[in-house]
Structures are given as structure tokens and as C-alpha cells.
Amino acid sequence: MSYHHGDLPRAAVERAYAIVTDRSHDDLSVRELADDLGVTPRAIYRHLGDRHGLLVEVAARAFEELCDEVERVLDASPEDARVATMSRYVAFAITSPTRYRLMFGLGDDALRQPDALGEQVRRLIKLTERAVATRAPELAGRARRDHIIGVWGLCHGLIEFYFGGTLRAASPAQAERYVCGQMIRMIQDHDR
């Protein structure tokens, strides 16, 4: 199958996203991707720059998916939006480890850029702020930011412990319950 000029970037990102979902971003080969799409690697490079540029686009797509999921949770008006939002974040990480690792594996500089990736990272932060504002409106400014960083940091750290083998669990579901339980305790301690 060949793609005309306007379709190749989208097709390359979608196919790369599927590869990263099934395997790992470390396994992503531009040559294999080009073969799958029926184009030359040079055509992909022409549209997306280097391999890193392709990975940035794939990470942006993963953040977009996570943001869409978090937004659906918030739109359902859960009793505690903080718990619901972070539970969705934890579930995404545990059930999509290869995408999650790519999302946070490109480095802080990549997450701060004014491109699609940076835009989706900022969207996730705004959604998290919205969740905190609905349940803890007294938190504002630095106090809100510190609360978000604390809860998010706890979840992220425990997820990384699970992926690295430090946090042992019999199944991904057990790991998810443990991380969410720790996060809920932290939020409840804060609310006391």
C-alpha cells in the first residue's frame, strides 16, 4: 500500500503507535515501519524528521488518549474527581506499559516543548487541576500544585517500582489496586 503526500505522517504515527503498544519504543525501526507502509525510510524522515521526532509524535498520541480517558472520567462527575482521575492514570499506565514508558521516557525537555506533545502534557495538567478544584477548592496556586505533584509523584514512583520489579504483584490488577490504594490514603490523609 502506498500513501500520497498528505496521508503518510498520520499513517506512520498510527502504525508506530501500534508497534509501541504491542512491543516497545526501543523496538521501533523506521525501516520496518516504512516497509509496513510501503514507502522508503527517507519518506518517513522527510515528513517526521528523525526517529526521535517520530517518537515524540507517538508519545503525543498516547498522551492524547490518556487525556481523552481522564476527560471522560471528569465529565461523568465522580464523587471524588481526584481519585477518579488518578485511578484512570494508574490504570492506563499498568495496562499500557510500553506507551506509558515512552510518554515519560523522552525526558523533561521533550515534555515542555510547544509542540503536540507539550500541548497534551499541559492538557493533562489542566485536567488534573480541574479534578483537584472540584473536590478541594480551598487548594489554590502553590498549594494546589504541590498537592498534584505529591499525588502524581506517588503514583508515578510506585508504577515505576512495579515496572522495575521492586514492587512485586501477582498480576497487573493487583499492582493497580495497590498503587490506587496508596494514592487514596494519601488524598484522605490530606483531607483530614
Protein backbone atom coordinates (compact mmCIF):
# COMPACT_ATOMS: atom_id res chain seq x y z
CA MET A 1 0.00 0.00 0.00
CA SER A 2 1.36 3.42 -0.78
CA TYR A 3 0.34 6.75 0.68
CA HIS A 4 0.11 10.04 -1.09
CA HIS A 5 1.81 13.06 0.42
CA GLY A 6 -0.87 14.11 2.92
CA ASP A 7 -1.53 10.71 4.47
CA LEU A 8 1.95 9.44 5.29
CA PRO A 9 2.61 11.35 8.54
CA ARG A 10 -0.71 10.23 10.04
CA ALA A 11 -0.28 6.66 8.81
CA ALA A 12 3.30 6.50 10.11
CA VAL A 13 2.31 7.76 13.57
CA GLU A 14 -0.65 5.38 13.78
CA ARG A 15 1.43 2.37 12.72
CA ALA A 16 4.27 3.36 15.06
CA TYR A 17 1.70 3.74 17.86
CA ALA A 18 0.51 0.18 17.22
CA ILE A 19 4.10 -1.10 17.28
CA VAL A 20 4.85 0.73 20.54
CA THR A 21 1.62 -0.62 22.04
CA ASP A 22 2.49 -4.21 21.12
CA ARG A 23 6.20 -4.10 21.89
CA SER A 24 8.30 -1.15 22.98
CA HIS A 25 9.55 2.12 21.59
CA ASP A 26 13.03 0.58 21.74
CA ASP A 27 11.85 -1.91 19.11
CA LEU A 28 10.57 0.74 16.73
CA SER A 29 12.54 0.63 13.49
CA VAL A 30 11.91 3.28 10.86
CA ARG A 31 12.92 0.75 8.20
CA GLU A 32 10.34 -1.78 9.45
CA LEU A 33 7.75 0.98 9.67
CA ALA A 34 8.49 2.10 6.12
CA ASP A 35 8.26 -1.49 4.86
CA ASP A 36 4.89 -1.89 6.61
CA LEU A 37 3.62 1.28 4.93
CA GLY A 38 5.10 0.55 1.51
CA VAL A 39 7.35 3.60 1.46
CA THR A 40 11.04 4.28 1.87
CA PRO A 41 12.50 5.26 5.24
CA ARG A 42 13.54 8.51 3.59
CA ALA A 43 9.85 9.37 3.00
CA ILE A 44 9.14 9.00 6.72
CA TYR A 45 12.18 11.06 7.65
CA ARG A 46 11.09 13.76 5.20
CA HIS A 47 7.76 14.15 6.98
CA LEU A 48 8.65 13.46 10.61
CA GLY A 49 12.32 14.29 10.90
CA ASP A 50 14.40 11.71 12.71
CA ARG A 51 13.36 8.70 14.80
CA HIS A 52 13.10 10.93 17.87
CA GLY A 53 10.63 13.17 16.01
CA LEU A 54 8.52 10.12 15.24
CA LEU A 55 8.64 9.02 18.89
CA VAL A 56 7.57 12.49 20.03
CA GLU A 57 4.51 12.25 17.79
CA VAL A 58 3.70 8.77 19.09
CA ALA A 59 4.07 9.98 22.71
CA ALA A 60 1.76 12.91 21.92
CA ARG A 61 -0.80 10.45 20.60
CA ALA A 62 -0.52 8.38 23.81
CA PHE A 63 -0.94 11.48 25.99
CA GLU A 64 -3.95 12.46 23.90
CA GLU A 65 -5.52 9.05 24.53
CA LEU A 66 -4.86 9.33 28.27
CA CYS A 67 -6.27 12.87 28.35
CA ASP A 68 -9.40 11.76 26.50
CA GLU A 69 -9.90 8.98 29.06
CA VAL A 70 -9.36 11.34 32.00
CA GLU A 71 -11.74 13.88 30.48
CA ARG A 72 -14.47 11.24 30.13
CA VAL A 73 -13.99 10.37 33.81
CA LEU A 74 -14.27 14.01 34.84
CA ASP A 75 -17.30 14.61 32.63
CA ALA A 76 -19.06 11.77 34.49
CA SER A 77 -18.81 13.94 37.66
CA PRO A 78 -17.38 11.36 40.05
CA GLU A 79 -17.75 11.90 43.80
CA ASP A 80 -14.02 12.47 44.19
CA ALA A 81 -12.58 13.62 40.88
CA ARG A 82 -9.02 13.46 42.23
CA VAL A 83 -9.31 9.75 43.00
CA ALA A 84 -11.13 9.02 39.74
CA THR A 85 -8.61 10.96 37.66
CA MET A 86 -5.53 9.42 39.24
CA SER A 87 -7.11 5.95 39.18
CA ARG A 88 -7.58 6.34 35.42
CA TYR A 89 -3.94 7.47 35.14
CA VAL A 90 -2.75 4.41 37.10
CA ALA A 91 -4.94 2.04 35.07
CA PHE A 92 -3.60 3.49 31.82
CA ALA A 93 -0.01 3.05 32.98
CA ILE A 94 -0.45 -0.51 34.24
CA THR A 95 -2.43 -1.70 31.20
CA SER A 96 -0.32 0.19 28.63
CA PRO A 97 3.22 -0.04 30.00
CA THR A 98 5.04 0.41 26.69
CA ARG A 99 3.10 3.56 25.81
CA TYR A 100 3.45 4.90 29.36
CA ARG A 101 7.20 4.36 29.35
CA LEU A 102 7.52 6.17 26.03
CA MET A 103 5.39 9.06 27.31
CA PHE A 104 7.71 9.69 30.22
CA GLY A 105 10.90 8.32 28.67
CA LEU A 106 11.71 11.15 26.27
CA GLY A 107 12.95 13.47 29.01
CA ASP A 108 11.65 16.62 30.64
CA ASP A 109 12.74 18.86 27.77
CA ALA A 110 10.55 16.94 25.32
CA LEU A 111 7.54 17.30 27.65
CA ARG A 112 7.96 21.08 27.82
CA GLN A 113 8.13 21.84 24.10
CA PRO A 114 5.45 23.93 22.36
CA ASP A 115 4.58 21.04 20.03
CA ALA A 116 1.78 18.46 20.10
CA LEU A 117 3.48 16.53 22.91
CA GLY A 118 3.85 19.59 25.14
CA GLU A 119 0.27 20.58 24.36
CA GLN A 120 -1.06 17.20 25.54
CA VAL A 121 1.11 17.28 28.68
CA ARG A 122 -0.31 20.73 29.52
CA ARG A 123 -3.81 19.38 28.83
CA LEU A 124 -3.27 16.53 31.32
CA ILE A 125 -2.05 19.01 33.95
CA LYS A 126 -5.13 21.21 33.40
CA LEU A 127 -7.43 18.19 33.69
CA THR A 128 -5.70 17.22 36.94
CA GLU A 129 -6.07 20.79 38.23
CA ARG A 130 -9.76 20.64 37.32
CA ALA A 131 -10.12 17.39 39.29
CA VAL A 132 -8.49 18.93 42.36
CA ALA A 133 -10.59 22.11 42.09
CA THR A 134 -13.84 20.12 42.12
CA ARG A 135 -13.04 18.27 45.35
CA ALA A 136 -10.60 20.57 47.13
CA PRO A 137 -11.49 24.11 46.03
CA GLU A 138 -9.62 25.54 49.01
CA LEU A 139 -6.40 24.50 47.32
CA ALA A 140 -5.16 27.22 45.04
CA GLY A 141 -1.90 28.31 43.50
CA ARG A 142 1.16 26.67 45.00
CA ALA A 143 -0.86 24.52 47.44
CA ARG A 144 -2.84 23.01 44.54
CA ARG A 145 0.32 22.46 42.51
CA ASP A 146 2.07 20.82 45.48
CA HIS A 147 -0.92 18.54 46.10
CA ILE A 148 -0.98 17.48 42.44
CA ILE A 149 2.78 16.88 42.34
CA GLY A 150 2.62 14.86 45.56
CA VAL A 151 -0.20 12.58 44.42
CA TRP A 152 1.08 12.28 40.87
CA GLY A 153 4.63 11.66 42.09
CA LEU A 154 3.49 8.91 44.44
CA CYS A 155 1.57 7.16 41.66
CA HIS A 156 4.35 7.59 39.11
CA GLY A 157 7.00 6.35 41.52
CA LEU A 158 5.02 3.26 42.55
CA ILE A 159 4.27 2.49 38.90
CA GLU A 160 7.99 2.67 38.11
CA PHE A 161 8.72 0.43 41.11
CA TYR A 162 6.23 -2.08 39.70
CA PHE A 163 7.74 -1.95 36.21
CA GLY A 164 11.24 -2.29 37.65
CA GLY A 165 10.35 -5.26 39.84
CA THR A 166 10.81 -3.51 43.21
CA LEU A 167 7.06 -3.54 43.82
CA ARG A 168 6.03 -7.14 43.40
CA ALA A 169 2.46 -8.00 42.50
CA ALA A 170 0.83 -11.25 41.42
CA SER A 171 -0.86 -9.50 38.50
CA PRO A 172 -1.21 -6.10 36.86
CA ALA A 173 -4.64 -5.78 38.50
CA GLN A 174 -3.10 -6.33 41.94
CA ALA A 175 -0.43 -3.71 41.21
CA GLU A 176 -3.13 -1.28 40.09
CA ARG A 177 -5.14 -1.86 43.30
CA TYR A 178 -2.04 -1.35 45.44
CA VAL A 179 -1.00 1.90 43.73
CA CYS A 180 -4.55 3.25 43.81
CA GLY A 181 -4.89 2.28 47.47
CA GLN A 182 -1.74 4.20 48.38
CA MET A 183 -2.93 7.19 46.36
CA ILE A 184 -6.35 7.17 48.07
CA ARG A 185 -4.70 7.01 51.50
CA MET A 186 -2.53 9.99 50.60
CA ILE A 187 -5.56 12.00 49.47
CA GLN A 188 -7.56 11.02 52.57
CA ASP A 189 -4.64 12.00 54.82
CA HIS A 190 -4.53 15.36 53.09
CA ASP A 191 -8.26 15.89 53.59
CA ARG A 192 -8.08 15.31 57.36
